[in-house]
N, C-alpha and C. Protein backbone atom coordinates (compact mmCIF):
# COMPACT_ATOMS: atom_id res chain seq x y z
N MET A 1 17.87 -59.59 100.19
CA MET A 1 17.47 -58.90 98.97
C MET A 1 18.25 -59.41 97.77
N TYR A 2 19.50 -59.64 97.94
CA TYR A 2 20.38 -60.13 96.88
C TYR A 2 19.91 -61.50 96.40
N TYR A 3 19.59 -62.41 97.37
CA TYR A 3 19.16 -63.74 97.00
C TYR A 3 17.80 -63.72 96.30
N ALA A 4 16.95 -62.80 96.66
CA ALA A 4 15.65 -62.68 96.01
C ALA A 4 15.82 -62.33 94.54
N GLN A 5 16.78 -61.45 94.23
CA GLN A 5 17.02 -61.08 92.83
C GLN A 5 17.55 -62.27 92.03
N VAL A 6 18.46 -63.04 92.64
CA VAL A 6 18.99 -64.22 91.98
C VAL A 6 17.87 -65.21 91.68
N HIS A 7 16.98 -65.40 92.64
CA HIS A 7 15.88 -66.33 92.47
C HIS A 7 14.97 -65.90 91.32
N GLN A 8 14.71 -64.59 91.22
CA GLN A 8 13.86 -64.10 90.15
C GLN A 8 14.52 -64.29 88.79
N GLN A 9 15.83 -64.04 88.69
CA GLN A 9 16.53 -64.17 87.44
C GLN A 9 16.58 -65.65 86.99
N ALA A 10 16.75 -66.56 87.95
CA ALA A 10 16.86 -67.97 87.62
C ALA A 10 15.59 -68.51 87.00
N HIS A 11 14.44 -67.90 87.29
CA HIS A 11 13.18 -68.40 86.80
C HIS A 11 12.63 -67.56 85.65
N GLN A 12 13.44 -66.65 85.12
CA GLN A 12 13.00 -65.92 83.95
C GLN A 12 12.91 -66.88 82.75
N PRO A 13 11.83 -66.82 82.02
CA PRO A 13 11.71 -67.72 80.87
C PRO A 13 12.77 -67.41 79.81
N SER A 14 13.36 -68.46 79.24
CA SER A 14 14.36 -68.27 78.19
C SER A 14 13.67 -67.83 76.91
N ARG A 15 14.38 -67.06 76.14
CA ARG A 15 13.85 -66.58 74.87
C ARG A 15 14.30 -67.53 73.77
N THR A 16 13.37 -67.89 72.88
CA THR A 16 13.69 -68.89 71.85
C THR A 16 13.23 -68.40 70.48
N ILE A 17 13.86 -68.96 69.48
CA ILE A 17 13.47 -68.79 68.08
C ILE A 17 13.26 -70.20 67.51
N THR A 18 12.14 -70.44 66.86
CA THR A 18 11.89 -71.73 66.23
C THR A 18 11.76 -71.53 64.72
N VAL A 19 12.55 -72.28 63.98
CA VAL A 19 12.53 -72.16 62.53
C VAL A 19 12.43 -73.56 61.91
N THR A 20 12.03 -73.59 60.66
CA THR A 20 11.98 -74.83 59.89
C THR A 20 13.05 -74.78 58.81
N GLY A 21 13.90 -75.80 58.79
CA GLY A 21 14.94 -75.89 57.78
C GLY A 21 14.60 -76.92 56.72
N ASN A 22 14.87 -76.58 55.48
CA ASN A 22 14.57 -77.48 54.37
C ASN A 22 15.84 -77.73 53.55
N GLY A 23 15.98 -78.95 53.08
CA GLY A 23 17.09 -79.30 52.20
C GLY A 23 16.65 -80.33 51.18
N HIS A 24 17.22 -80.30 50.01
CA HIS A 24 16.91 -81.32 49.01
C HIS A 24 18.10 -81.56 48.10
N VAL A 25 18.17 -82.77 47.59
CA VAL A 25 19.19 -83.15 46.61
C VAL A 25 18.50 -83.86 45.46
N MET A 26 19.12 -83.81 44.30
CA MET A 26 18.58 -84.45 43.10
C MET A 26 19.33 -85.75 42.84
N ALA A 27 18.60 -86.78 42.45
CA ALA A 27 19.20 -88.08 42.18
C ALA A 27 18.63 -88.65 40.88
N VAL A 28 19.49 -89.31 40.12
CA VAL A 28 19.07 -89.97 38.88
C VAL A 28 18.50 -91.34 39.21
N PRO A 29 17.32 -91.69 38.72
CA PRO A 29 16.74 -93.01 39.01
C PRO A 29 17.65 -94.15 38.56
N THR A 30 17.66 -95.22 39.34
CA THR A 30 18.49 -96.38 39.01
C THR A 30 17.66 -97.63 38.73
N SER A 31 16.36 -97.58 39.03
CA SER A 31 15.48 -98.71 38.75
C SER A 31 14.06 -98.19 38.58
N ALA A 32 13.18 -99.07 38.13
CA ALA A 32 11.80 -98.65 37.92
C ALA A 32 10.86 -99.84 38.07
N GLN A 33 9.61 -99.53 38.35
CA GLN A 33 8.54 -100.53 38.35
C GLN A 33 7.50 -100.11 37.32
N LEU A 34 7.05 -101.06 36.54
CA LEU A 34 6.10 -100.80 35.48
C LEU A 34 4.92 -101.74 35.64
N GLN A 35 3.70 -101.21 35.67
CA GLN A 35 2.51 -102.06 35.79
C GLN A 35 1.86 -102.22 34.43
N ILE A 36 1.72 -103.46 34.02
CA ILE A 36 1.17 -103.81 32.71
C ILE A 36 -0.12 -104.61 32.93
N GLU A 37 -1.16 -104.26 32.18
CA GLU A 37 -2.45 -104.91 32.39
C GLU A 37 -3.02 -105.46 31.09
N VAL A 38 -3.75 -106.55 31.23
CA VAL A 38 -4.52 -107.12 30.13
C VAL A 38 -5.98 -107.14 30.57
N GLN A 39 -6.83 -106.47 29.79
CA GLN A 39 -8.26 -106.44 30.06
C GLN A 39 -9.00 -107.13 28.92
N THR A 40 -9.89 -108.05 29.27
CA THR A 40 -10.71 -108.74 28.28
C THR A 40 -12.16 -108.74 28.74
N GLN A 41 -13.07 -108.80 27.78
CA GLN A 41 -14.49 -108.78 28.09
C GLN A 41 -15.21 -109.87 27.31
N GLY A 42 -16.35 -110.31 27.87
CA GLY A 42 -17.16 -111.30 27.18
C GLY A 42 -18.46 -111.54 27.92
N LYS A 43 -19.41 -112.10 27.20
CA LYS A 43 -20.72 -112.37 27.81
C LYS A 43 -20.64 -113.50 28.83
N ASN A 44 -19.82 -114.51 28.51
CA ASN A 44 -19.64 -115.65 29.41
C ASN A 44 -18.29 -115.51 30.09
N VAL A 45 -18.23 -115.67 31.40
CA VAL A 45 -17.00 -115.38 32.14
C VAL A 45 -15.83 -116.27 31.71
N GLN A 46 -16.12 -117.50 31.26
CA GLN A 46 -15.02 -118.40 30.90
C GLN A 46 -14.23 -117.89 29.69
N ILE A 47 -14.91 -117.30 28.72
CA ILE A 47 -14.23 -116.86 27.50
C ILE A 47 -13.23 -115.73 27.78
N PRO A 48 -13.61 -114.62 28.45
CA PRO A 48 -12.62 -113.59 28.75
C PRO A 48 -11.52 -114.07 29.70
N GLN A 49 -11.83 -115.02 30.58
CA GLN A 49 -10.80 -115.60 31.43
C GLN A 49 -9.75 -116.33 30.60
N GLN A 50 -10.22 -117.16 29.67
CA GLN A 50 -9.30 -117.91 28.84
C GLN A 50 -8.49 -116.99 27.92
N ASP A 51 -9.17 -116.02 27.31
CA ASP A 51 -8.48 -115.07 26.44
C ASP A 51 -7.42 -114.30 27.22
N ASN A 52 -7.79 -113.89 28.42
CA ASN A 52 -6.88 -113.11 29.24
C ASN A 52 -5.63 -113.92 29.58
N ALA A 53 -5.83 -115.18 29.95
CA ALA A 53 -4.70 -116.03 30.32
C ALA A 53 -3.75 -116.22 29.15
N VAL A 54 -4.30 -116.45 27.96
CA VAL A 54 -3.46 -116.64 26.78
C VAL A 54 -2.65 -115.40 26.48
N ILE A 55 -3.31 -114.23 26.52
CA ILE A 55 -2.61 -112.97 26.21
C ILE A 55 -1.55 -112.66 27.25
N MET A 56 -1.90 -112.81 28.53
CA MET A 56 -0.92 -112.47 29.58
C MET A 56 0.28 -113.41 29.52
N ASN A 57 0.07 -114.68 29.26
CA ASN A 57 1.21 -115.60 29.12
C ASN A 57 2.09 -115.19 27.95
N GLN A 58 1.46 -114.72 26.89
CA GLN A 58 2.23 -114.26 25.73
C GLN A 58 3.04 -113.02 26.08
N VAL A 59 2.44 -112.11 26.84
CA VAL A 59 3.14 -110.89 27.28
C VAL A 59 4.34 -111.26 28.15
N ILE A 60 4.13 -112.15 29.11
CA ILE A 60 5.21 -112.53 30.03
C ILE A 60 6.36 -113.20 29.28
N GLN A 61 6.04 -114.09 28.35
CA GLN A 61 7.08 -114.76 27.57
C GLN A 61 7.87 -113.75 26.75
N ALA A 62 7.19 -112.77 26.18
CA ALA A 62 7.87 -111.74 25.39
C ALA A 62 8.79 -110.89 26.27
N LEU A 63 8.35 -110.59 27.50
CA LEU A 63 9.19 -109.81 28.41
C LEU A 63 10.41 -110.61 28.84
N MET A 64 10.23 -111.89 29.09
CA MET A 64 11.36 -112.74 29.46
C MET A 64 12.36 -112.86 28.32
N ALA A 65 11.88 -112.77 27.07
CA ALA A 65 12.77 -112.80 25.92
C ALA A 65 13.64 -111.55 25.84
N LEU A 66 13.24 -110.50 26.59
CA LEU A 66 14.05 -109.28 26.68
C LEU A 66 15.04 -109.35 27.85
N ASP A 67 15.28 -110.56 28.34
CA ASP A 67 16.22 -110.81 29.44
C ASP A 67 15.73 -110.26 30.78
N ILE A 68 14.42 -110.20 30.95
CA ILE A 68 13.86 -109.85 32.26
C ILE A 68 13.61 -111.15 33.01
N PRO A 69 14.28 -111.39 34.14
CA PRO A 69 14.09 -112.64 34.87
C PRO A 69 12.65 -112.81 35.34
N LYS A 70 12.20 -114.04 35.38
CA LYS A 70 10.82 -114.30 35.78
C LYS A 70 10.53 -113.80 37.19
N GLU A 71 11.53 -113.85 38.08
CA GLU A 71 11.31 -113.38 39.45
C GLU A 71 11.12 -111.87 39.53
N LYS A 72 11.41 -111.17 38.44
CA LYS A 72 11.20 -109.72 38.40
C LYS A 72 9.80 -109.36 37.91
N ILE A 73 8.99 -110.39 37.62
CA ILE A 73 7.62 -110.19 37.15
C ILE A 73 6.67 -110.76 38.18
N GLN A 74 5.77 -109.92 38.67
CA GLN A 74 4.91 -110.32 39.79
C GLN A 74 3.47 -109.91 39.52
N THR A 75 2.53 -110.80 39.84
CA THR A 75 1.12 -110.45 39.69
C THR A 75 0.73 -109.39 40.71
N ALA A 76 0.08 -108.33 40.23
CA ALA A 76 -0.36 -107.25 41.12
C ALA A 76 -1.82 -107.42 41.50
N THR A 77 -2.69 -107.58 40.52
CA THR A 77 -4.12 -107.78 40.78
C THR A 77 -4.72 -108.69 39.72
N TYR A 78 -5.78 -109.36 40.09
CA TYR A 78 -6.57 -110.16 39.15
C TYR A 78 -8.02 -110.02 39.57
N THR A 79 -8.84 -109.42 38.70
CA THR A 79 -10.23 -109.16 39.06
C THR A 79 -11.17 -109.61 37.95
N ILE A 80 -12.35 -110.03 38.35
CA ILE A 80 -13.45 -110.33 37.43
C ILE A 80 -14.63 -109.46 37.85
N THR A 81 -15.08 -108.62 36.94
CA THR A 81 -16.11 -107.64 37.28
C THR A 81 -17.31 -107.78 36.35
N PRO A 82 -18.50 -107.96 36.89
CA PRO A 82 -19.69 -107.98 36.03
C PRO A 82 -19.96 -106.58 35.45
N LEU A 83 -20.40 -106.54 34.20
CA LEU A 83 -20.68 -105.28 33.52
C LEU A 83 -22.18 -105.10 33.35
N TYR A 84 -22.63 -103.84 33.52
CA TYR A 84 -24.05 -103.54 33.38
C TYR A 84 -24.24 -102.29 32.55
N ASN A 85 -25.31 -102.26 31.78
CA ASN A 85 -25.76 -101.06 31.09
C ASN A 85 -27.11 -100.65 31.67
N PHE A 86 -27.45 -99.39 31.48
CA PHE A 86 -28.77 -98.91 31.91
C PHE A 86 -29.62 -98.65 30.67
N GLU A 87 -30.73 -99.38 30.58
CA GLU A 87 -31.66 -99.23 29.48
C GLU A 87 -33.05 -99.01 30.04
N ASN A 88 -33.64 -97.89 29.65
CA ASN A 88 -34.98 -97.53 30.15
C ASN A 88 -35.01 -97.53 31.67
N ASP A 89 -33.95 -96.93 32.25
CA ASP A 89 -33.84 -96.83 33.72
C ASP A 89 -33.73 -98.18 34.41
N LYS A 90 -33.34 -99.19 33.67
CA LYS A 90 -33.16 -100.51 34.26
C LYS A 90 -31.72 -100.98 34.05
N GLN A 91 -31.21 -101.68 35.04
CA GLN A 91 -29.85 -102.22 34.97
C GLN A 91 -29.87 -103.55 34.21
N VAL A 92 -29.11 -103.57 33.10
CA VAL A 92 -29.10 -104.76 32.24
C VAL A 92 -27.70 -105.35 32.24
N PHE A 93 -27.62 -106.63 32.54
CA PHE A 93 -26.33 -107.33 32.57
C PHE A 93 -25.72 -107.38 31.17
N ASN A 94 -24.40 -107.07 31.09
CA ASN A 94 -23.75 -106.99 29.79
C ASN A 94 -22.43 -107.77 29.75
N GLY A 95 -22.30 -108.79 30.57
CA GLY A 95 -21.11 -109.63 30.51
C GLY A 95 -20.12 -109.36 31.63
N TYR A 96 -18.87 -109.76 31.39
CA TYR A 96 -17.83 -109.67 32.41
C TYR A 96 -16.57 -109.01 31.84
N GLU A 97 -15.85 -108.37 32.73
CA GLU A 97 -14.52 -107.85 32.38
C GLU A 97 -13.50 -108.52 33.29
N VAL A 98 -12.46 -109.08 32.69
CA VAL A 98 -11.37 -109.70 33.44
C VAL A 98 -10.14 -108.82 33.30
N ASN A 99 -9.54 -108.49 34.42
CA ASN A 99 -8.36 -107.63 34.43
C ASN A 99 -7.23 -108.33 35.17
N ASN A 100 -6.11 -108.51 34.48
CA ASN A 100 -4.93 -109.13 35.07
C ASN A 100 -3.77 -108.13 34.97
N ALA A 101 -3.20 -107.76 36.11
CA ALA A 101 -2.12 -106.75 36.13
C ALA A 101 -0.86 -107.38 36.72
N ILE A 102 0.27 -107.11 36.06
CA ILE A 102 1.56 -107.56 36.57
C ILE A 102 2.46 -106.36 36.80
N ILE A 103 3.36 -106.49 37.76
CA ILE A 103 4.39 -105.47 38.01
C ILE A 103 5.72 -106.03 37.53
N VAL A 104 6.39 -105.23 36.71
CA VAL A 104 7.70 -105.63 36.18
C VAL A 104 8.75 -104.73 36.81
N ASN A 105 9.71 -105.33 37.48
CA ASN A 105 10.81 -104.59 38.10
C ASN A 105 11.97 -104.50 37.10
N ILE A 106 12.37 -103.28 36.80
CA ILE A 106 13.33 -103.03 35.73
C ILE A 106 14.59 -102.39 36.32
N THR A 107 15.73 -103.00 36.02
CA THR A 107 17.00 -102.42 36.46
C THR A 107 17.68 -101.64 35.35
N ASN A 108 17.44 -102.02 34.11
CA ASN A 108 17.97 -101.27 32.96
C ASN A 108 16.88 -100.33 32.47
N ILE A 109 16.82 -99.14 33.06
CA ILE A 109 15.70 -98.25 32.76
C ILE A 109 15.77 -97.66 31.36
N ASP A 110 16.89 -97.81 30.68
CA ASP A 110 16.96 -97.36 29.29
C ASP A 110 16.06 -98.19 28.39
N ASN A 111 15.65 -99.36 28.86
CA ASN A 111 14.83 -100.26 28.05
C ASN A 111 13.33 -100.12 28.31
N ILE A 112 12.92 -99.13 29.09
CA ILE A 112 11.50 -99.03 29.45
C ILE A 112 10.63 -98.86 28.21
N GLY A 113 11.03 -98.01 27.29
CA GLY A 113 10.24 -97.82 26.09
C GLY A 113 10.08 -99.11 25.31
N LEU A 114 11.17 -99.87 25.17
CA LEU A 114 11.12 -101.15 24.47
C LEU A 114 10.21 -102.14 25.19
N ILE A 115 10.27 -102.16 26.51
CA ILE A 115 9.43 -103.07 27.29
C ILE A 115 7.95 -102.74 27.10
N ILE A 116 7.62 -101.45 27.11
CA ILE A 116 6.23 -101.03 26.90
C ILE A 116 5.75 -101.46 25.52
N ASP A 117 6.55 -101.17 24.50
CA ASP A 117 6.15 -101.51 23.13
C ASP A 117 5.99 -103.01 22.96
N THR A 118 6.89 -103.78 23.57
CA THR A 118 6.80 -105.24 23.46
C THR A 118 5.53 -105.76 24.13
N ALA A 119 5.19 -105.21 25.30
CA ALA A 119 3.98 -105.64 25.99
C ALA A 119 2.74 -105.33 25.17
N ILE A 120 2.68 -104.13 24.60
CA ILE A 120 1.52 -103.73 23.80
C ILE A 120 1.41 -104.59 22.54
N GLU A 121 2.54 -104.83 21.89
CA GLU A 121 2.53 -105.64 20.67
C GLU A 121 2.06 -107.07 20.92
N ASN A 122 2.21 -107.54 22.16
CA ASN A 122 1.82 -108.91 22.49
C ASN A 122 0.48 -109.00 23.19
N GLY A 123 -0.28 -107.90 23.18
CA GLY A 123 -1.67 -107.97 23.64
C GLY A 123 -2.02 -107.17 24.88
N ALA A 124 -1.05 -106.65 25.61
CA ALA A 124 -1.39 -105.81 26.76
C ALA A 124 -2.11 -104.56 26.26
N ASN A 125 -3.09 -104.09 27.02
CA ASN A 125 -3.85 -102.92 26.57
C ASN A 125 -3.93 -101.80 27.60
N ARG A 126 -3.19 -101.94 28.70
CA ARG A 126 -3.10 -100.82 29.65
C ARG A 126 -1.73 -100.82 30.34
N ILE A 127 -1.14 -99.63 30.41
CA ILE A 127 0.05 -99.39 31.24
C ILE A 127 -0.38 -98.34 32.25
N THR A 128 -0.55 -98.74 33.50
CA THR A 128 -1.18 -97.82 34.45
C THR A 128 -0.20 -96.82 35.05
N ASN A 129 1.03 -97.20 35.28
CA ASN A 129 1.99 -96.22 35.77
C ASN A 129 3.41 -96.77 35.71
N ILE A 130 4.35 -95.84 35.73
CA ILE A 130 5.76 -96.18 35.88
C ILE A 130 6.25 -95.48 37.14
N GLN A 131 6.91 -96.23 38.00
CA GLN A 131 7.46 -95.67 39.24
C GLN A 131 8.97 -95.80 39.20
N PHE A 132 9.65 -94.64 39.19
CA PHE A 132 11.11 -94.63 39.21
C PHE A 132 11.61 -94.61 40.65
N ASN A 133 12.70 -95.32 40.92
CA ASN A 133 13.28 -95.41 42.25
C ASN A 133 14.78 -95.14 42.22
N VAL A 134 15.33 -94.87 43.39
CA VAL A 134 16.76 -94.60 43.53
C VAL A 134 17.36 -95.57 44.53
N ASP A 135 18.47 -96.19 44.16
CA ASP A 135 19.20 -97.03 45.11
C ASP A 135 19.95 -96.15 46.11
N HIS A 136 20.22 -96.71 47.29
CA HIS A 136 20.97 -96.00 48.33
C HIS A 136 20.32 -94.66 48.68
N THR A 137 19.00 -94.71 48.83
CA THR A 137 18.25 -93.49 49.13
C THR A 137 18.73 -92.82 50.40
N ASP A 138 19.14 -93.60 51.39
CA ASP A 138 19.53 -93.03 52.68
C ASP A 138 20.76 -92.13 52.54
N ASP A 139 21.66 -92.46 51.64
CA ASP A 139 22.83 -91.61 51.44
C ASP A 139 22.42 -90.23 50.95
N TYR A 140 21.49 -90.20 50.00
CA TYR A 140 21.00 -88.91 49.50
C TYR A 140 20.23 -88.16 50.59
N TYR A 141 19.47 -88.92 51.39
CA TYR A 141 18.69 -88.27 52.44
C TYR A 141 19.61 -87.62 53.49
N GLN A 142 20.70 -88.28 53.82
CA GLN A 142 21.64 -87.69 54.79
C GLN A 142 22.19 -86.37 54.27
N GLN A 143 22.46 -86.29 52.97
CA GLN A 143 22.92 -85.04 52.38
C GLN A 143 21.84 -83.97 52.50
N ALA A 144 20.60 -84.35 52.19
CA ALA A 144 19.49 -83.40 52.28
C ALA A 144 19.28 -82.95 53.73
N LEU A 145 19.45 -83.87 54.68
CA LEU A 145 19.29 -83.54 56.09
C LEU A 145 20.33 -82.53 56.54
N SER A 146 21.57 -82.72 56.10
CA SER A 146 22.63 -81.76 56.43
C SER A 146 22.30 -80.37 55.87
N LEU A 147 21.81 -80.33 54.64
CA LEU A 147 21.43 -79.05 54.04
C LEU A 147 20.28 -78.41 54.81
N ALA A 148 19.35 -79.22 55.30
CA ALA A 148 18.23 -78.68 56.07
C ALA A 148 18.69 -78.05 57.37
N LEU A 149 19.65 -78.68 58.03
CA LEU A 149 20.17 -78.13 59.28
C LEU A 149 20.91 -76.81 59.04
N HIS A 150 21.70 -76.77 57.97
CA HIS A 150 22.38 -75.51 57.63
C HIS A 150 21.36 -74.42 57.29
N ASN A 151 20.29 -74.81 56.62
CA ASN A 151 19.25 -73.86 56.27
C ASN A 151 18.58 -73.29 57.52
N ALA A 152 18.32 -74.16 58.50
CA ALA A 152 17.73 -73.71 59.76
C ALA A 152 18.67 -72.76 60.50
N GLN A 153 19.96 -73.08 60.51
CA GLN A 153 20.94 -72.22 61.18
C GLN A 153 21.00 -70.85 60.53
N ARG A 154 20.97 -70.81 59.20
CA ARG A 154 21.01 -69.53 58.50
C ARG A 154 19.77 -68.69 58.80
N LYS A 155 18.62 -69.35 58.84
CA LYS A 155 17.39 -68.63 59.15
C LYS A 155 17.45 -68.02 60.55
N ALA A 156 17.90 -68.83 61.52
CA ALA A 156 17.98 -68.33 62.89
C ALA A 156 18.97 -67.18 63.00
N THR A 157 20.10 -67.28 62.31
CA THR A 157 21.11 -66.22 62.33
C THR A 157 20.54 -64.94 61.72
N THR A 158 19.81 -65.09 60.61
CA THR A 158 19.20 -63.91 59.99
C THR A 158 18.22 -63.23 60.92
N ILE A 159 17.40 -64.03 61.60
CA ILE A 159 16.44 -63.46 62.56
C ILE A 159 17.19 -62.76 63.69
N ALA A 160 18.24 -63.40 64.20
CA ALA A 160 19.00 -62.81 65.31
C ALA A 160 19.64 -61.49 64.90
N GLU A 161 20.23 -61.44 63.71
CA GLU A 161 20.86 -60.21 63.26
C GLU A 161 19.83 -59.11 63.03
N THR A 162 18.68 -59.49 62.49
CA THR A 162 17.64 -58.49 62.25
C THR A 162 17.10 -57.94 63.56
N MET A 163 17.00 -58.79 64.57
CA MET A 163 16.50 -58.37 65.88
C MET A 163 17.60 -57.79 66.77
N ARG A 164 18.83 -57.69 66.20
CA ARG A 164 19.97 -57.10 66.92
C ARG A 164 20.30 -57.88 68.20
N ILE A 165 20.27 -59.20 68.08
CA ILE A 165 20.69 -60.05 69.20
C ILE A 165 22.20 -60.20 69.10
N ALA A 166 22.88 -59.96 70.21
CA ALA A 166 24.35 -59.86 70.18
C ALA A 166 25.01 -61.19 69.83
N LEU A 167 24.59 -62.28 70.45
CA LEU A 167 25.26 -63.56 70.28
C LEU A 167 24.48 -64.45 69.31
N PRO A 168 25.14 -65.33 68.56
CA PRO A 168 24.41 -66.27 67.69
C PRO A 168 23.52 -67.18 68.54
N PRO A 169 22.31 -67.45 68.11
CA PRO A 169 21.43 -68.33 68.89
C PRO A 169 21.97 -69.76 68.92
N LEU A 170 21.71 -70.46 70.04
CA LEU A 170 22.19 -71.82 70.23
C LEU A 170 21.03 -72.81 70.07
N PRO A 171 21.22 -73.87 69.28
CA PRO A 171 20.14 -74.86 69.13
C PRO A 171 19.95 -75.65 70.42
N ILE A 172 18.72 -75.75 70.88
CA ILE A 172 18.42 -76.52 72.09
C ILE A 172 17.46 -77.67 71.80
N GLU A 173 16.87 -77.69 70.63
CA GLU A 173 15.97 -78.78 70.26
C GLU A 173 15.94 -78.91 68.74
N ILE A 174 16.13 -80.13 68.25
CA ILE A 174 16.09 -80.40 66.81
C ILE A 174 15.13 -81.56 66.58
N ILE A 175 14.12 -81.32 65.76
CA ILE A 175 13.12 -82.34 65.46
C ILE A 175 13.17 -82.63 63.97
N GLU A 176 13.40 -83.88 63.64
CA GLU A 176 13.41 -84.31 62.25
C GLU A 176 11.99 -84.64 61.82
N GLU A 177 11.51 -83.95 60.82
CA GLU A 177 10.15 -84.19 60.33
C GLU A 177 10.12 -85.46 59.50
N PRO A 178 8.99 -86.18 59.50
CA PRO A 178 8.90 -87.41 58.70
C PRO A 178 9.14 -87.13 57.23
N ALA A 179 9.86 -88.03 56.59
CA ALA A 179 10.16 -87.89 55.17
C ALA A 179 9.45 -88.97 54.38
N ASN A 180 8.91 -88.59 53.24
CA ASN A 180 8.27 -89.56 52.37
C ASN A 180 9.31 -90.24 51.48
N THR A 181 9.07 -91.50 51.17
CA THR A 181 9.97 -92.20 50.26
C THR A 181 9.89 -91.56 48.88
N PRO A 182 11.03 -91.14 48.33
CA PRO A 182 10.98 -90.43 47.05
C PRO A 182 10.74 -91.37 45.88
N VAL A 183 9.69 -91.11 45.15
CA VAL A 183 9.42 -91.85 43.92
C VAL A 183 8.94 -90.87 42.86
N LEU A 184 9.13 -91.23 41.63
CA LEU A 184 8.70 -90.40 40.52
C LEU A 184 7.79 -91.24 39.65
N TYR A 185 6.56 -90.73 39.41
CA TYR A 185 5.58 -91.50 38.68
C TYR A 185 5.37 -90.94 37.27
N ARG A 186 5.09 -91.84 36.36
CA ARG A 186 4.62 -91.47 35.04
C ARG A 186 3.35 -92.29 34.78
N SER A 187 2.23 -91.62 34.61
CA SER A 187 0.97 -92.34 34.37
C SER A 187 0.70 -92.42 32.88
N MET A 188 0.31 -93.62 32.42
CA MET A 188 0.10 -93.82 30.99
C MET A 188 -1.00 -94.84 30.74
N ALA A 189 -1.45 -94.87 29.49
CA ALA A 189 -2.41 -95.91 29.09
C ALA A 189 -2.52 -95.92 27.57
N ASP A 190 -2.82 -97.12 27.03
CA ASP A 190 -3.15 -97.29 25.61
C ASP A 190 -2.08 -96.73 24.68
N PHE A 191 -0.96 -97.44 24.57
CA PHE A 191 0.15 -97.00 23.75
C PHE A 191 0.11 -97.65 22.38
N SER A 192 0.74 -96.99 21.43
CA SER A 192 1.00 -97.59 20.12
C SER A 192 2.25 -96.94 19.57
N GLY A 193 3.02 -97.71 18.78
CA GLY A 193 4.23 -97.16 18.20
C GLY A 193 5.34 -97.04 19.23
N ALA A 194 6.42 -96.36 18.84
CA ALA A 194 7.56 -96.17 19.73
C ALA A 194 7.15 -95.32 20.92
N THR A 195 7.62 -95.68 22.08
CA THR A 195 7.24 -94.99 23.30
C THR A 195 8.46 -94.37 23.96
N PRO A 196 8.66 -93.05 23.82
CA PRO A 196 9.79 -92.40 24.49
C PRO A 196 9.48 -92.18 25.97
N ILE A 197 10.41 -92.54 26.84
CA ILE A 197 10.24 -92.37 28.27
C ILE A 197 11.42 -91.55 28.80
N GLU A 198 11.11 -90.43 29.43
CA GLU A 198 12.14 -89.60 30.04
C GLU A 198 12.14 -89.85 31.54
N GLN A 199 13.25 -90.34 32.05
CA GLN A 199 13.30 -90.71 33.46
C GLN A 199 13.43 -89.50 34.38
N GLY A 200 14.06 -88.41 33.90
CA GLY A 200 14.20 -87.22 34.72
C GLY A 200 15.03 -87.47 35.97
N GLN A 201 14.77 -86.69 37.02
CA GLN A 201 15.46 -86.84 38.29
C GLN A 201 14.45 -86.87 39.43
N ILE A 202 14.86 -87.47 40.51
CA ILE A 202 14.03 -87.54 41.71
C ILE A 202 14.56 -86.57 42.75
N THR A 203 13.68 -85.80 43.35
CA THR A 203 14.07 -84.87 44.40
C THR A 203 13.86 -85.53 45.76
N ILE A 204 14.91 -85.56 46.56
CA ILE A 204 14.84 -86.15 47.90
C ILE A 204 14.89 -85.01 48.92
N HIS A 205 13.85 -84.92 49.73
CA HIS A 205 13.68 -83.80 50.66
C HIS A 205 14.00 -84.22 52.10
N ALA A 206 14.41 -83.24 52.88
CA ALA A 206 14.55 -83.41 54.34
C ALA A 206 14.10 -82.11 55.00
N THR A 207 13.43 -82.25 56.12
CA THR A 207 12.92 -81.08 56.85
C THR A 207 13.18 -81.25 58.34
N VAL A 208 13.66 -80.20 58.98
CA VAL A 208 13.88 -80.20 60.42
C VAL A 208 13.23 -78.97 61.03
N ARG A 209 12.80 -79.11 62.27
CA ARG A 209 12.30 -77.97 63.04
C ARG A 209 13.26 -77.78 64.21
N VAL A 210 13.87 -76.62 64.28
CA VAL A 210 14.91 -76.37 65.27
C VAL A 210 14.54 -75.21 66.16
N LYS A 211 14.69 -75.40 67.47
CA LYS A 211 14.46 -74.33 68.43
C LYS A 211 15.81 -73.81 68.92
N PHE A 212 15.99 -72.51 68.81
CA PHE A 212 17.23 -71.86 69.24
C PHE A 212 16.95 -70.99 70.47
N GLN A 213 17.91 -70.98 71.35
CA GLN A 213 17.79 -70.13 72.54
C GLN A 213 18.79 -68.96 72.43
N TYR A 214 18.35 -67.78 72.89
CA TYR A 214 19.25 -66.63 72.86
C TYR A 214 19.05 -65.79 74.12
């Protein structure tokens, strides 16, 4: 009889609490990517192609004059698109649009406004987005991860105290949830005049799912 009771106790399911812990830290951006585009149109494809090439070369030379190394300037897309209008329910050919986009990698983010103004002054007609980045992202993420684990522990302790569980729950499983690469975007287009850019801060998140046994 004694051994039967031991056997029953050994197979009793353990009681668990599962919580999600969240942590985040704020970081100041240290670099940025800026996409600059030149769009030209014309009835004959050769003319907008030639115009586009002249303008984009002028934009690139002006950016390099701001001490941006050529290797920090990269072609993103180059497209030629036929244009159509609808007249009397019919599709009418209306020429071509040529779009050339470059990505500029910027380490001195205080100069972003100047870079935008310089590009526009030299013929660029679209700035599609600015993406701010943080160096040493993993260091910030480790801090956020630690905060997430502490947050999970506090949640489990609160649940245990509320449920009048005598002992603090013990973690038996910790799952790190996937984290997205932190970036901060600013979407823009068609600038003129001085362009103020506020870099703000980037929030780096970490999330864990922890199972506690009690």
